[in-house]
């Protein structure tokens, strides 16, 4: 079997369909499956931008990016909280060294 752009897309679609089907049956990857759609949107947007459909490519890419940021919002909250704690500790250390 020769691999070209159409066969690569076909393999990608088959793999995505198999992962979705396994998730519905109960043998899925659980939480990781929820990242499949936003990442697929990012890939389709990038593919659209590269092939000349800049408006629709960027629109799909931005929607996928916002969806992926939404998936990582819990991680961003943890990083933000850790940053606040570290910043607060650094402020306390600076006040003690002055006194």
Protein backbone atom coordinates (compact mmCIF):
# COMPACT_ATOMS: atom_id res chain seq x y z
CA UNK A 1 0.00 0.00 0.00
CA UNK A 2 1.40 3.37 -1.02
CA UNK A 3 1.07 6.14 1.48
CA UNK A 4 0.11 9.58 0.22
CA UNK A 5 -1.87 12.45 1.69
CA UNK A 6 -5.24 10.75 1.14
CA UNK A 7 -4.16 7.45 2.66
CA UNK A 8 -2.66 9.30 5.64
CA UNK A 9 -5.95 11.07 6.21
CA UNK A 10 -7.80 7.74 5.85
CA UNK A 11 -5.56 6.11 8.46
CA UNK A 12 -6.10 9.06 10.80
CA UNK A 13 -9.88 8.83 10.37
CA UNK A 14 -9.84 5.07 10.95
CA UNK A 15 -7.76 5.51 14.12
CA UNK A 16 -10.05 8.26 15.44
CA UNK A 17 -13.14 6.19 14.67
CA UNK A 18 -11.65 3.14 16.38
CA UNK A 19 -10.82 5.16 19.50
CA UNK A 20 -14.33 6.61 19.63
CA UNK A 21 -15.87 3.17 19.13
CA UNK A 22 -13.69 1.65 21.85
CA UNK A 23 -14.68 4.50 24.17
CA UNK A 24 -18.38 3.82 23.58
CA UNK A 25 -17.93 0.09 24.18
CA UNK A 26 -16.04 0.69 27.42
CA UNK A 27 -12.46 -0.11 26.43
CA UNK A 28 -11.50 3.52 25.81
CA UNK A 29 -8.78 5.66 27.19
CA UNK A 30 -11.13 7.46 29.55
CA UNK A 31 -10.19 11.05 30.24
CA UNK A 32 -7.68 11.15 27.37
CA UNK A 33 -10.49 10.58 24.87
CA UNK A 34 -11.93 14.00 25.69
CA UNK A 35 -8.79 15.59 24.23
CA UNK A 36 -9.28 13.89 20.86
CA UNK A 37 -11.85 16.32 19.43
CA UNK A 38 -10.00 19.59 20.27
CA UNK A 39 -6.72 18.17 18.97
CA UNK A 40 -8.49 17.01 15.80
CA UNK A 41 -9.89 20.52 15.35
CA UNK A 42 -6.40 21.98 15.72
CA UNK A 43 -5.09 19.54 13.13
CA UNK A 44 -7.91 20.23 10.69
CA UNK A 45 -7.46 23.98 11.14
CA UNK A 46 -3.74 23.71 10.47
CA UNK A 47 -4.44 21.53 7.45
CA UNK A 48 -6.92 24.13 6.15
CA UNK A 49 -4.45 26.98 6.65
CA UNK A 50 -1.71 25.08 4.82
CA UNK A 51 -4.00 24.30 1.87
CA UNK A 52 -5.10 27.89 1.28
CA UNK A 53 -8.46 28.09 3.06
CA UNK A 54 -7.17 30.62 5.55
CA UNK A 55 -10.48 31.94 6.94
CA UNK A 56 -12.06 28.56 7.69
CA UNK A 57 -8.72 27.10 8.72
CA UNK A 58 -8.10 29.83 11.27
CA UNK A 59 -11.70 29.65 12.50
CA UNK A 60 -11.48 25.90 13.12
CA UNK A 61 -8.01 26.27 14.63
CA UNK A 62 -9.18 28.95 17.09
CA UNK A 63 -12.23 26.90 18.12
CA UNK A 64 -9.98 23.88 18.74
CA UNK A 65 -7.52 26.04 20.67
CA UNK A 66 -10.24 27.43 22.95
CA UNK A 67 -11.62 23.93 23.51
CA UNK A 68 -8.17 22.64 24.42
CA UNK A 69 -7.57 25.58 26.76
CA UNK A 70 -10.90 24.71 28.40
CA UNK A 71 -9.70 21.14 28.92
CA UNK A 72 -6.52 22.41 30.57
CA UNK A 73 -8.30 24.98 32.77
CA UNK A 74 -7.88 22.86 35.89
CA UNK A 75 -4.15 22.62 35.25
CA UNK A 76 -3.97 26.39 34.69
CA UNK A 77 -5.76 26.95 38.01
CA UNK A 78 -3.24 24.76 39.84
CA UNK A 79 -0.30 26.57 38.21
CA UNK A 80 -1.86 29.95 39.05
CA UNK A 81 -2.43 28.95 42.68
CA UNK A 82 1.15 27.69 43.01
CA UNK A 83 2.40 30.94 41.51
CA UNK A 84 0.41 32.98 44.02
CA UNK A 85 1.82 30.92 46.89
CA UNK A 86 5.40 31.30 45.66
CA UNK A 87 4.91 35.03 45.08
CA UNK A 88 3.47 35.46 48.59
CA UNK A 89 6.36 33.57 50.16
CA UNK A 90 8.88 35.70 48.25
CA UNK A 91 7.18 38.89 49.51
CA UNK A 92 7.34 37.60 53.10
CA UNK A 93 11.03 36.76 52.76
CA UNK A 94 11.83 40.22 51.40
CA UNK A 95 10.08 41.92 54.34
CA UNK A 96 11.97 39.86 56.92
CA UNK A 97 15.36 40.61 55.38
CA UNK A 98 14.73 44.37 55.55
CA UNK A 99 13.78 44.36 59.25
